[in-house]
Amino acid sequence: MVDSCCGCIDLNVGGLIIGWVFLVSYCIGLAVAVICLIVFPIIMIGSSAEVAGIIAVIVGFLILIVILAILAFISYRFIDGINTMNYKKVIPFRILCICGIVSCVITILGIVGSINSAHSSGYIVSRFTSVIINLAICIYIFLVVNSIYENLKAPVLPTTISSGSNQLNLNVITVPPQNQQNAPIADFDQPPKY
């Protein structure tokens, strides 16, 4: 668990920055996918492309648009979860971060498995380095998101803890001070009477 984002930003502010960066990225990707959905079939109709190829391109872009819309919605819910202090809205983004880490690990395994292939060693080293950097960033983002999740979830504890038949009440009761006028006054000048 981390206490701040990048060592100098409040955890919630860092989470909002992360959420907005992801949301803007997905919205840009969504806009590009919509433009490509409109432009590519028009370009392909002018060429000698088959109808099946045009339909495949349209279906591919529609799937991409749906995925990007879901990811943008998850990012929006993450931002809203931080603003409303609702840890349940942070859970999907937390799962998305875990998927990013798993994706990086699978990519690393694929790169390691392709070392003996026809790719040049420079390509493999540069690809491996970029994926390792991406993995480190994904892990840190997950640590920030998980810390936000834990901080938001922590105050939502019940006021009573029960185990079996015993119940412990955690509410704090303050007792107002009693009226001091009726209290007996001790006289220390006189010896006690027996």
N, C-alpha and C. Protein backbone atom coordinates (compact mmCIF):
# COMPACT_ATOMS: atom_id res chain seq x y z
N MET A 1 0.84 -1.18 0.00
CA MET A 1 0.00 0.00 0.00
C MET A 1 0.89 1.24 0.00
N VAL A 2 0.49 2.24 -0.75
CA VAL A 2 1.25 3.49 -0.81
C VAL A 2 0.45 4.60 -0.13
N ASP A 3 1.18 5.58 0.40
CA ASP A 3 0.53 6.69 1.11
C ASP A 3 0.25 7.88 0.21
N SER A 4 0.99 7.99 -0.89
CA SER A 4 0.80 9.11 -1.81
C SER A 4 1.09 8.63 -3.23
N CYS A 5 0.73 9.45 -4.18
CA CYS A 5 0.99 9.12 -5.58
C CYS A 5 2.25 9.84 -6.02
N CYS A 6 3.22 9.12 -6.50
CA CYS A 6 4.51 9.65 -6.96
C CYS A 6 5.28 10.33 -5.83
N GLY A 7 4.94 10.07 -4.60
CA GLY A 7 5.66 10.60 -3.46
C GLY A 7 5.34 12.03 -3.08
N CYS A 8 4.57 12.74 -3.90
CA CYS A 8 4.33 14.15 -3.59
C CYS A 8 2.88 14.58 -3.77
N ILE A 9 2.03 13.72 -4.31
CA ILE A 9 0.64 14.09 -4.57
C ILE A 9 -0.25 13.27 -3.66
N ASP A 10 -1.30 13.90 -3.14
CA ASP A 10 -2.28 13.18 -2.34
C ASP A 10 -2.80 11.98 -3.12
N LEU A 11 -3.09 10.91 -2.39
CA LEU A 11 -3.50 9.66 -3.03
C LEU A 11 -4.76 9.83 -3.88
N ASN A 12 -5.75 10.53 -3.36
CA ASN A 12 -6.99 10.72 -4.12
C ASN A 12 -6.77 11.61 -5.34
N VAL A 13 -5.94 12.63 -5.21
CA VAL A 13 -5.64 13.49 -6.36
C VAL A 13 -4.89 12.70 -7.43
N GLY A 14 -3.94 11.88 -6.99
CA GLY A 14 -3.22 11.02 -7.93
C GLY A 14 -4.15 10.04 -8.62
N GLY A 15 -5.11 9.50 -7.86
CA GLY A 15 -6.09 8.60 -8.46
C GLY A 15 -6.96 9.31 -9.48
N LEU A 16 -7.34 10.55 -9.17
CA LEU A 16 -8.12 11.33 -10.14
C LEU A 16 -7.31 11.61 -11.41
N ILE A 17 -6.03 11.91 -11.25
CA ILE A 17 -5.18 12.13 -12.42
C ILE A 17 -5.10 10.86 -13.26
N ILE A 18 -4.89 9.72 -12.60
CA ILE A 18 -4.83 8.44 -13.32
C ILE A 18 -6.16 8.17 -14.03
N GLY A 19 -7.26 8.38 -13.34
CA GLY A 19 -8.57 8.15 -13.94
C GLY A 19 -8.82 9.04 -15.14
N TRP A 20 -8.47 10.32 -15.03
CA TRP A 20 -8.69 11.24 -16.14
C TRP A 20 -7.78 10.91 -17.33
N VAL A 21 -6.53 10.52 -17.06
CA VAL A 21 -5.64 10.14 -18.16
C VAL A 21 -6.20 8.95 -18.92
N PHE A 22 -6.67 7.94 -18.19
CA PHE A 22 -7.26 6.77 -18.84
C PHE A 22 -8.54 7.15 -19.58
N LEU A 23 -9.40 7.96 -18.96
CA LEU A 23 -10.66 8.35 -19.60
C LEU A 23 -10.41 9.12 -20.89
N VAL A 24 -9.50 10.08 -20.86
CA VAL A 24 -9.19 10.86 -22.06
C VAL A 24 -8.59 9.96 -23.14
N SER A 25 -7.70 9.04 -22.74
CA SER A 25 -7.09 8.13 -23.71
C SER A 25 -8.14 7.26 -24.39
N TYR A 26 -9.04 6.71 -23.59
CA TYR A 26 -10.09 5.86 -24.18
C TYR A 26 -11.04 6.67 -25.05
N CYS A 27 -11.34 7.90 -24.67
CA CYS A 27 -12.23 8.74 -25.50
C CYS A 27 -11.56 9.10 -26.82
N ILE A 28 -10.25 9.38 -26.80
CA ILE A 28 -9.54 9.64 -28.05
C ILE A 28 -9.55 8.39 -28.93
N GLY A 29 -9.28 7.23 -28.32
CA GLY A 29 -9.34 5.98 -29.08
C GLY A 29 -10.72 5.73 -29.64
N LEU A 30 -11.74 6.06 -28.86
CA LEU A 30 -13.12 5.89 -29.32
C LEU A 30 -13.42 6.80 -30.51
N ALA A 31 -12.96 8.04 -30.45
CA ALA A 31 -13.18 8.97 -31.57
C ALA A 31 -12.46 8.49 -32.83
N VAL A 32 -11.22 8.02 -32.68
CA VAL A 32 -10.47 7.51 -33.83
C VAL A 32 -11.16 6.28 -34.41
N ALA A 33 -11.66 5.39 -33.55
CA ALA A 33 -12.34 4.18 -34.04
C ALA A 33 -13.62 4.53 -34.79
N VAL A 34 -14.36 5.52 -34.31
CA VAL A 34 -15.59 5.93 -35.01
C VAL A 34 -15.24 6.54 -36.37
N ILE A 35 -14.20 7.36 -36.42
CA ILE A 35 -13.78 7.95 -37.70
C ILE A 35 -13.34 6.85 -38.66
N CYS A 36 -12.56 5.89 -38.16
CA CYS A 36 -12.12 4.78 -39.01
C CYS A 36 -13.29 3.93 -39.48
N LEU A 37 -14.28 3.75 -38.62
CA LEU A 37 -15.47 2.98 -39.01
C LEU A 37 -16.18 3.64 -40.19
N ILE A 38 -16.15 4.96 -40.22
CA ILE A 38 -16.82 5.68 -41.31
C ILE A 38 -15.93 5.73 -42.56
N VAL A 39 -14.62 5.97 -42.38
CA VAL A 39 -13.74 6.22 -43.52
C VAL A 39 -13.29 4.93 -44.22
N PHE A 40 -12.86 3.92 -43.47
CA PHE A 40 -12.30 2.72 -44.11
C PHE A 40 -13.26 2.00 -45.05
N PRO A 41 -14.53 1.80 -44.70
CA PRO A 41 -15.42 1.16 -45.69
C PRO A 41 -15.57 1.97 -46.97
N ILE A 42 -15.56 3.29 -46.85
CA ILE A 42 -15.66 4.13 -48.05
C ILE A 42 -14.43 3.95 -48.93
N ILE A 43 -13.26 3.90 -48.30
CA ILE A 43 -12.01 3.69 -49.04
C ILE A 43 -12.01 2.30 -49.68
N MET A 44 -12.47 1.30 -48.92
CA MET A 44 -12.44 -0.08 -49.43
C MET A 44 -13.45 -0.29 -50.55
N ILE A 45 -14.55 0.44 -50.54
CA ILE A 45 -15.53 0.30 -51.62
C ILE A 45 -14.92 0.78 -52.94
N GLY A 46 -14.11 1.81 -52.89
CA GLY A 46 -13.47 2.32 -54.09
C GLY A 46 -12.43 1.38 -54.64
N SER A 47 -11.85 0.54 -53.81
CA SER A 47 -10.85 -0.42 -54.28
C SER A 47 -11.55 -1.71 -54.69
N SER A 48 -10.76 -2.71 -54.95
CA SER A 48 -11.34 -3.98 -55.40
C SER A 48 -11.56 -4.94 -54.23
N ALA A 49 -11.88 -4.42 -53.07
CA ALA A 49 -12.09 -5.27 -51.89
C ALA A 49 -13.41 -6.01 -52.01
N GLU A 50 -13.42 -7.18 -51.44
CA GLU A 50 -14.64 -7.98 -51.46
C GLU A 50 -15.60 -7.49 -50.38
N VAL A 51 -16.85 -7.85 -50.53
CA VAL A 51 -17.87 -7.45 -49.56
C VAL A 51 -17.58 -8.06 -48.19
N ALA A 52 -17.09 -9.30 -48.18
CA ALA A 52 -16.78 -9.95 -46.90
C ALA A 52 -15.68 -9.20 -46.16
N GLY A 53 -14.71 -8.66 -46.88
CA GLY A 53 -13.64 -7.89 -46.26
C GLY A 53 -14.16 -6.59 -45.66
N ILE A 54 -15.07 -5.95 -46.36
CA ILE A 54 -15.67 -4.71 -45.86
C ILE A 54 -16.49 -4.99 -44.60
N ILE A 55 -17.26 -6.06 -44.62
CA ILE A 55 -18.06 -6.42 -43.45
C ILE A 55 -17.16 -6.77 -42.27
N ALA A 56 -16.04 -7.46 -42.53
CA ALA A 56 -15.10 -7.80 -41.46
C ALA A 56 -14.51 -6.55 -40.82
N VAL A 57 -14.18 -5.56 -41.65
CA VAL A 57 -13.64 -4.30 -41.12
C VAL A 57 -14.69 -3.58 -40.28
N ILE A 58 -15.92 -3.53 -40.75
CA ILE A 58 -16.99 -2.87 -40.00
C ILE A 58 -17.23 -3.57 -38.67
N VAL A 59 -17.30 -4.90 -38.68
CA VAL A 59 -17.52 -5.66 -37.44
C VAL A 59 -16.35 -5.46 -36.48
N GLY A 60 -15.13 -5.47 -37.01
CA GLY A 60 -13.95 -5.26 -36.17
C GLY A 60 -13.97 -3.90 -35.48
N PHE A 61 -14.31 -2.86 -36.22
CA PHE A 61 -14.37 -1.53 -35.62
C PHE A 61 -15.54 -1.40 -34.64
N LEU A 62 -16.65 -2.06 -34.92
CA LEU A 62 -17.77 -2.03 -33.96
C LEU A 62 -17.38 -2.69 -32.64
N ILE A 63 -16.66 -3.82 -32.72
CA ILE A 63 -16.19 -4.49 -31.50
C ILE A 63 -15.23 -3.58 -30.75
N LEU A 64 -14.31 -2.94 -31.48
CA LEU A 64 -13.36 -2.02 -30.85
C LEU A 64 -14.07 -0.85 -30.18
N ILE A 65 -15.10 -0.31 -30.83
CA ILE A 65 -15.86 0.81 -30.25
C ILE A 65 -16.56 0.38 -28.97
N VAL A 66 -17.14 -0.81 -28.96
CA VAL A 66 -17.82 -1.30 -27.74
C VAL A 66 -16.82 -1.48 -26.61
N ILE A 67 -15.65 -2.07 -26.91
CA ILE A 67 -14.64 -2.29 -25.87
C ILE A 67 -14.14 -0.95 -25.32
N LEU A 68 -13.85 0.00 -26.20
CA LEU A 68 -13.37 1.31 -25.74
C LEU A 68 -14.43 2.06 -24.94
N ALA A 69 -15.69 1.91 -25.33
CA ALA A 69 -16.77 2.55 -24.57
C ALA A 69 -16.88 1.96 -23.17
N ILE A 70 -16.73 0.64 -23.05
CA ILE A 70 -16.77 -0.01 -21.73
C ILE A 70 -15.59 0.46 -20.88
N LEU A 71 -14.40 0.53 -21.48
CA LEU A 71 -13.22 0.98 -20.73
C LEU A 71 -13.36 2.44 -20.30
N ALA A 72 -13.92 3.28 -21.17
CA ALA A 72 -14.14 4.68 -20.80
C ALA A 72 -15.15 4.78 -19.65
N PHE A 73 -16.18 3.95 -19.68
CA PHE A 73 -17.18 3.95 -18.61
C PHE A 73 -16.55 3.50 -17.28
N ILE A 74 -15.68 2.49 -17.34
CA ILE A 74 -15.00 2.02 -16.13
C ILE A 74 -14.12 3.14 -15.56
N SER A 75 -13.43 3.86 -16.43
CA SER A 75 -12.60 4.98 -15.96
C SER A 75 -13.45 6.08 -15.34
N TYR A 76 -14.60 6.37 -15.96
CA TYR A 76 -15.51 7.37 -15.40
C TYR A 76 -16.01 6.94 -14.02
N ARG A 77 -16.36 5.66 -13.89
CA ARG A 77 -16.83 5.16 -12.58
C ARG A 77 -15.72 5.25 -11.53
N PHE A 78 -14.48 5.04 -11.93
CA PHE A 78 -13.36 5.17 -11.01
C PHE A 78 -13.25 6.60 -10.50
N ILE A 79 -13.35 7.56 -11.41
CA ILE A 79 -13.30 8.98 -11.02
C ILE A 79 -14.48 9.31 -10.11
N ASP A 80 -15.66 8.84 -10.47
CA ASP A 80 -16.86 9.09 -9.67
C ASP A 80 -16.75 8.41 -8.30
N GLY A 81 -16.14 7.23 -8.26
CA GLY A 81 -15.96 6.53 -6.99
C GLY A 81 -15.06 7.28 -6.03
N ILE A 82 -14.02 7.91 -6.57
CA ILE A 82 -13.14 8.72 -5.71
C ILE A 82 -13.87 9.96 -5.23
N ASN A 83 -14.60 10.62 -6.13
CA ASN A 83 -15.31 11.85 -5.75
C ASN A 83 -16.42 11.59 -4.74
N THR A 84 -17.13 10.47 -4.87
CA THR A 84 -18.24 10.17 -3.96
C THR A 84 -17.82 9.28 -2.79
N MET A 85 -16.53 8.93 -2.72
CA MET A 85 -15.99 8.08 -1.65
C MET A 85 -16.70 6.72 -1.62
N ASN A 86 -16.97 6.15 -2.79
CA ASN A 86 -17.67 4.87 -2.91
C ASN A 86 -16.68 3.83 -3.43
N TYR A 87 -16.23 2.93 -2.55
CA TYR A 87 -15.23 1.95 -2.95
C TYR A 87 -15.75 0.95 -3.97
N LYS A 88 -17.06 0.75 -4.03
CA LYS A 88 -17.62 -0.22 -4.98
C LYS A 88 -17.44 0.24 -6.43
N LYS A 89 -17.37 1.54 -6.64
CA LYS A 89 -17.16 2.06 -7.99
C LYS A 89 -15.71 1.96 -8.43
N VAL A 90 -14.80 1.72 -7.49
CA VAL A 90 -13.38 1.60 -7.79
C VAL A 90 -13.02 0.17 -8.20
N ILE A 91 -13.83 -0.80 -7.81
CA ILE A 91 -13.52 -2.21 -8.05
C ILE A 91 -13.30 -2.53 -9.53
N PRO A 92 -14.15 -2.09 -10.48
CA PRO A 92 -13.89 -2.44 -11.89
C PRO A 92 -12.56 -1.91 -12.41
N PHE A 93 -12.16 -0.70 -11.99
CA PHE A 93 -10.88 -0.15 -12.44
C PHE A 93 -9.73 -0.94 -11.82
N ARG A 94 -9.92 -1.39 -10.62
CA ARG A 94 -8.92 -2.24 -9.96
C ARG A 94 -8.74 -3.54 -10.74
N ILE A 95 -9.84 -4.13 -11.18
CA ILE A 95 -9.78 -5.35 -11.99
C ILE A 95 -9.11 -5.05 -13.33
N LEU A 96 -9.39 -3.88 -13.90
CA LEU A 96 -8.76 -3.48 -15.15
C LEU A 96 -7.24 -3.37 -14.99
N CYS A 97 -6.79 -2.86 -13.86
CA CYS A 97 -5.35 -2.77 -13.58
C CYS A 97 -4.73 -4.16 -13.49
N ILE A 98 -5.42 -5.09 -12.86
CA ILE A 98 -4.93 -6.46 -12.76
C ILE A 98 -4.83 -7.08 -14.15
N CYS A 99 -5.82 -6.82 -15.00
CA CYS A 99 -5.78 -7.33 -16.38
C CYS A 99 -4.59 -6.75 -17.14
N GLY A 100 -4.26 -5.49 -16.89
CA GLY A 100 -3.09 -4.87 -17.53
C GLY A 100 -1.80 -5.54 -17.10
N ILE A 101 -1.69 -5.88 -15.82
CA ILE A 101 -0.50 -6.57 -15.33
C ILE A 101 -0.39 -7.95 -15.96
N VAL A 102 -1.50 -8.68 -16.00
CA VAL A 102 -1.50 -10.02 -16.60
C VAL A 102 -1.14 -9.93 -18.09
N SER A 103 -1.66 -8.93 -18.78
CA SER A 103 -1.34 -8.74 -20.20
C SER A 103 0.15 -8.50 -20.41
N CYS A 104 0.76 -7.70 -19.54
CA CYS A 104 2.20 -7.45 -19.65
C CYS A 104 3.00 -8.72 -19.41
N VAL A 105 2.60 -9.50 -18.42
CA VAL A 105 3.31 -10.75 -18.13
C VAL A 105 3.20 -11.72 -19.30
N ILE A 106 2.01 -11.83 -19.89
CA ILE A 106 1.82 -12.71 -21.05
C ILE A 106 2.67 -12.22 -22.23
N THR A 107 2.75 -10.91 -22.42
CA THR A 107 3.59 -10.36 -23.49
C THR A 107 5.05 -10.67 -23.25
N ILE A 108 5.50 -10.56 -21.99
CA ILE A 108 6.89 -10.90 -21.67
C ILE A 108 7.16 -12.37 -21.98
N LEU A 109 6.24 -13.25 -21.61
CA LEU A 109 6.42 -14.67 -21.91
C LEU A 109 6.46 -14.91 -23.42
N GLY A 110 5.66 -14.17 -24.18
CA GLY A 110 5.69 -14.29 -25.63
C GLY A 110 7.01 -13.82 -26.22
N ILE A 111 7.55 -12.75 -25.66
CA ILE A 111 8.84 -12.24 -26.16
C ILE A 111 9.95 -13.23 -25.82
N VAL A 112 9.94 -13.76 -24.61
CA VAL A 112 10.96 -14.74 -24.22
C VAL A 112 10.84 -15.99 -25.10
N GLY A 113 9.62 -16.38 -25.43
CA GLY A 113 9.42 -17.55 -26.29
C GLY A 113 9.85 -17.33 -27.72
N SER A 114 9.92 -16.08 -28.16
CA SER A 114 10.29 -15.80 -29.56
C SER A 114 11.75 -15.40 -29.72
N ILE A 115 12.57 -15.66 -28.74
CA ILE A 115 13.98 -15.26 -28.82
C ILE A 115 14.69 -15.98 -29.96
N ASN A 116 14.38 -17.22 -30.20
CA ASN A 116 15.05 -17.98 -31.26
C ASN A 116 14.39 -17.80 -32.63
N SER A 117 13.43 -16.92 -32.76
CA SER A 117 12.74 -16.73 -34.04
C SER A 117 13.56 -15.82 -34.95
N ALA A 118 12.96 -15.43 -36.04
CA ALA A 118 13.66 -14.65 -37.07
C ALA A 118 13.82 -13.18 -36.71
N HIS A 119 13.26 -12.72 -35.60
CA HIS A 119 13.38 -11.31 -35.23
C HIS A 119 14.82 -10.99 -34.86
N SER A 120 15.22 -9.77 -35.14
CA SER A 120 16.57 -9.34 -34.78
C SER A 120 16.67 -9.16 -33.27
N SER A 121 17.88 -9.26 -32.76
CA SER A 121 18.07 -9.13 -31.31
C SER A 121 17.76 -7.71 -30.84
N GLY A 122 18.00 -6.72 -31.69
CA GLY A 122 17.68 -5.34 -31.32
C GLY A 122 16.19 -5.13 -31.14
N TYR A 123 15.41 -5.75 -32.02
CA TYR A 123 13.95 -5.65 -31.89
C TYR A 123 13.48 -6.31 -30.61
N ILE A 124 14.00 -7.49 -30.31
CA ILE A 124 13.57 -8.22 -29.11
C ILE A 124 13.95 -7.44 -27.85
N VAL A 125 15.17 -6.88 -27.82
CA VAL A 125 15.60 -6.13 -26.64
C VAL A 125 14.75 -4.87 -26.46
N SER A 126 14.48 -4.15 -27.54
CA SER A 126 13.68 -2.93 -27.41
C SER A 126 12.25 -3.25 -27.01
N ARG A 127 11.69 -4.31 -27.58
CA ARG A 127 10.32 -4.71 -27.22
C ARG A 127 10.26 -5.17 -25.77
N PHE A 128 11.26 -5.96 -25.35
CA PHE A 128 11.31 -6.46 -23.97
C PHE A 128 11.44 -5.30 -22.99
N THR A 129 12.28 -4.33 -23.31
CA THR A 129 12.47 -3.18 -22.43
C THR A 129 11.19 -2.37 -22.30
N SER A 130 10.50 -2.14 -23.42
CA SER A 130 9.27 -1.35 -23.35
C SER A 130 8.19 -2.07 -22.56
N VAL A 131 8.13 -3.40 -22.67
CA VAL A 131 7.12 -4.14 -21.92
C VAL A 131 7.46 -4.16 -20.43
N ILE A 132 8.73 -4.25 -20.08
CA ILE A 132 9.13 -4.21 -18.66
C ILE A 132 8.77 -2.85 -18.06
N ILE A 133 9.03 -1.77 -18.80
CA ILE A 133 8.66 -0.43 -18.31
C ILE A 133 7.14 -0.33 -18.16
N ASN A 134 6.41 -0.85 -19.14
CA ASN A 134 4.95 -0.85 -19.07
C ASN A 134 4.46 -1.66 -17.87
N LEU A 135 5.09 -2.79 -17.60
CA LEU A 135 4.72 -3.62 -16.44
C LEU A 135 4.96 -2.86 -15.14
N ALA A 136 6.09 -2.17 -15.03
CA ALA A 136 6.38 -1.40 -13.82
C ALA A 136 5.34 -0.30 -13.61
N ILE A 137 4.95 0.37 -14.69
CA ILE A 137 3.93 1.42 -14.58
C ILE A 137 2.59 0.81 -14.18
N CYS A 138 2.23 -0.32 -14.79
CA CYS A 138 0.96 -0.98 -14.45
C CYS A 138 0.93 -1.41 -12.99
N ILE A 139 2.05 -1.93 -12.49
CA ILE A 139 2.10 -2.36 -11.09
C ILE A 139 1.95 -1.15 -10.17
N TYR A 140 2.62 -0.03 -10.49
CA TYR A 140 2.51 1.14 -9.63
C TYR A 140 1.09 1.72 -9.66
N ILE A 141 0.49 1.77 -10.84
CA ILE A 141 -0.89 2.25 -10.94
C ILE A 141 -1.81 1.35 -10.12
N PHE A 142 -1.57 0.03 -10.19
CA PHE A 142 -2.39 -0.88 -9.38
C PHE A 142 -2.19 -0.61 -7.90
N LEU A 143 -0.96 -0.36 -7.47
CA LEU A 143 -0.72 -0.07 -6.05
C LEU A 143 -1.46 1.20 -5.61
N VAL A 144 -1.46 2.22 -6.45
CA VAL A 144 -2.19 3.46 -6.12
C VAL A 144 -3.69 3.19 -6.06
N VAL A 145 -4.22 2.50 -7.08
CA VAL A 145 -5.65 2.22 -7.14
C VAL A 145 -6.06 1.32 -5.97
N ASN A 146 -5.24 0.32 -5.66
CA ASN A 146 -5.56 -0.57 -4.54
C ASN A 146 -5.51 0.18 -3.21
N SER A 147 -4.57 1.10 -3.06
CA SER A 147 -4.51 1.90 -1.83
C SER A 147 -5.74 2.79 -1.69
N ILE A 148 -6.18 3.37 -2.81
CA ILE A 148 -7.41 4.17 -2.78
C ILE A 148 -8.59 3.29 -2.39
N TYR A 149 -8.65 2.11 -2.98
CA TYR A 149 -9.74 1.16 -2.67
C TYR A 149 -9.74 0.80 -1.19
N GLU A 150 -8.58 0.49 -0.64
CA GLU A 150 -8.48 0.12 0.78
C GLU A 150 -8.85 1.30 1.68
N ASN A 151 -8.41 2.51 1.31
CA ASN A 151 -8.74 3.69 2.12
C ASN A 151 -10.23 4.00 2.10
N LEU A 152 -10.86 3.82 0.93
CA LEU A 152 -12.29 4.08 0.84
C LEU A 152 -13.10 3.00 1.55
N LYS A 153 -12.59 1.77 1.53
CA LYS A 153 -13.32 0.66 2.13
C LYS A 153 -13.17 0.65 3.65
N ALA A 154 -12.06 1.13 4.17
CA ALA A 154 -11.76 1.04 5.60
C ALA A 154 -12.80 1.69 6.50
N PRO A 155 -13.30 2.90 6.24
CA PRO A 155 -14.25 3.51 7.17
C PRO A 155 -15.63 2.86 7.17
N VAL A 156 -15.90 1.95 6.28
CA VAL A 156 -17.22 1.35 6.19
C VAL A 156 -17.27 0.09 7.04
N LEU A 157 -16.88 0.22 8.30
CA LEU A 157 -16.94 -0.91 9.22
C LEU A 157 -18.22 -0.82 10.04
N PRO A 158 -18.76 -1.94 10.46
CA PRO A 158 -19.97 -1.89 11.29
C PRO A 158 -19.64 -1.33 12.67
N THR A 159 -20.67 -0.79 13.34
CA THR A 159 -20.45 -0.24 14.68
C THR A 159 -20.45 -1.32 15.74
N THR A 160 -20.86 -2.52 15.40
CA THR A 160 -20.82 -3.63 16.35
C THR A 160 -20.11 -4.81 15.71
N ILE A 161 -19.37 -5.51 16.52
CA ILE A 161 -18.70 -6.72 16.07
C ILE A 161 -19.30 -7.87 16.86
N SER A 162 -19.78 -8.86 16.16
CA SER A 162 -20.37 -9.99 16.88
C SER A 162 -19.63 -11.26 16.53
N SER A 163 -19.33 -12.04 17.52
CA SER A 163 -18.75 -13.36 17.31
C SER A 163 -19.53 -14.33 18.18
N GLY A 164 -20.31 -15.14 17.56
CA GLY A 164 -21.14 -16.07 18.31
C GLY A 164 -22.21 -15.33 19.08
N SER A 165 -22.27 -15.56 20.39
CA SER A 165 -23.29 -14.90 21.20
C SER A 165 -22.78 -13.60 21.82
N ASN A 166 -21.47 -13.34 21.74
CA ASN A 166 -20.91 -12.11 22.31
C ASN A 166 -21.00 -10.99 21.27
N GLN A 167 -21.37 -9.82 21.73
CA GLN A 167 -21.45 -8.67 20.84
C GLN A 167 -20.74 -7.50 21.51
N LEU A 168 -19.82 -6.89 20.78
CA LEU A 168 -19.04 -5.77 21.30
C LEU A 168 -19.51 -4.50 20.60
N ASN A 169 -19.98 -3.53 21.39
CA ASN A 169 -20.45 -2.28 20.83
C ASN A 169 -19.27 -1.32 20.74
N LEU A 170 -19.03 -0.78 19.54
CA LEU A 170 -17.90 0.12 19.32
C LEU A 170 -18.28 1.59 19.37
N ASN A 171 -19.52 1.91 19.67
CA ASN A 171 -19.94 3.30 19.76
C ASN A 171 -19.33 3.94 21.00
N VAL A 172 -18.92 5.19 20.89
CA VAL A 172 -18.34 5.92 22.01
C VAL A 172 -19.44 6.80 22.60
N ILE A 173 -19.61 6.71 23.91
CA ILE A 173 -20.63 7.50 24.60
C ILE A 173 -19.93 8.53 25.45
N THR A 174 -20.30 9.78 25.30
CA THR A 174 -19.73 10.84 26.13
C THR A 174 -20.71 11.16 27.24
N VAL A 175 -20.20 11.27 28.44
CA VAL A 175 -21.03 11.56 29.61
C VAL A 175 -20.84 13.03 29.96
N PRO A 176 -21.93 13.79 30.02
CA PRO A 176 -21.78 15.21 30.37
C PRO A 176 -21.37 15.34 31.83
N PRO A 177 -20.65 16.41 32.19
CA PRO A 177 -20.24 16.59 33.59
C PRO A 177 -21.45 16.78 34.50
N GLN A 178 -21.33 16.24 35.72
CA GLN A 178 -22.44 16.34 36.68
C GLN A 178 -22.44 17.72 37.33
N ASN A 179 -23.60 18.06 37.89
CA ASN A 179 -23.76 19.34 38.56
C ASN A 179 -22.92 19.34 39.84
N GLN A 180 -22.01 20.30 39.96
CA GLN A 180 -21.08 20.34 41.09
C GLN A 180 -21.63 21.10 42.30
N GLN A 181 -22.81 21.73 42.23
CA GLN A 181 -23.33 22.53 43.34
C GLN A 181 -23.75 21.66 44.52
N ASN A 182 -24.26 20.51 44.31
CA ASN A 182 -24.77 19.67 45.39
C ASN A 182 -23.70 18.78 46.02
N ALA A 183 -22.49 18.85 45.53
CA ALA A 183 -21.44 17.99 46.07
C ALA A 183 -21.02 18.50 47.45
N PRO A 184 -20.77 17.59 48.42
CA PRO A 184 -20.34 18.03 49.76
C PRO A 184 -18.96 18.65 49.70
N ILE A 185 -18.76 19.67 50.50
CA ILE A 185 -17.48 20.36 50.55
C ILE A 185 -16.73 19.85 51.78
N ALA A 186 -15.52 19.45 51.59
CA ALA A 186 -14.71 18.94 52.70
C ALA A 186 -14.04 20.09 53.44
N ASP A 187 -14.01 20.01 54.76
CA ASP A 187 -13.37 21.02 55.57
C ASP A 187 -12.09 20.40 56.12
N PHE A 188 -10.95 20.86 55.61
CA PHE A 188 -9.68 20.26 55.98
C PHE A 188 -9.09 20.87 57.25
N ASP A 189 -9.69 21.93 57.78
CA ASP A 189 -9.17 22.54 59.00
C ASP A 189 -9.55 21.74 60.23
N GLN A 190 -10.61 21.02 60.20
CA GLN A 190 -11.08 20.27 61.36
C GLN A 190 -10.66 18.81 61.22
N PRO A 191 -10.30 18.19 62.32
CA PRO A 191 -9.94 16.77 62.27
C PRO A 191 -11.18 15.93 61.99
N PRO A 192 -11.00 14.80 61.43
CA PRO A 192 -12.16 13.94 61.13
C PRO A 192 -12.82 13.46 62.40
N LYS A 193 -14.13 13.30 62.37
CA LYS A 193 -14.90 12.83 63.51
C LYS A 193 -15.11 11.34 63.35
N TYR A 194 -14.85 10.63 64.48
CA TYR A 194 -15.04 9.19 64.46
C TYR A 194 -16.17 8.78 65.31
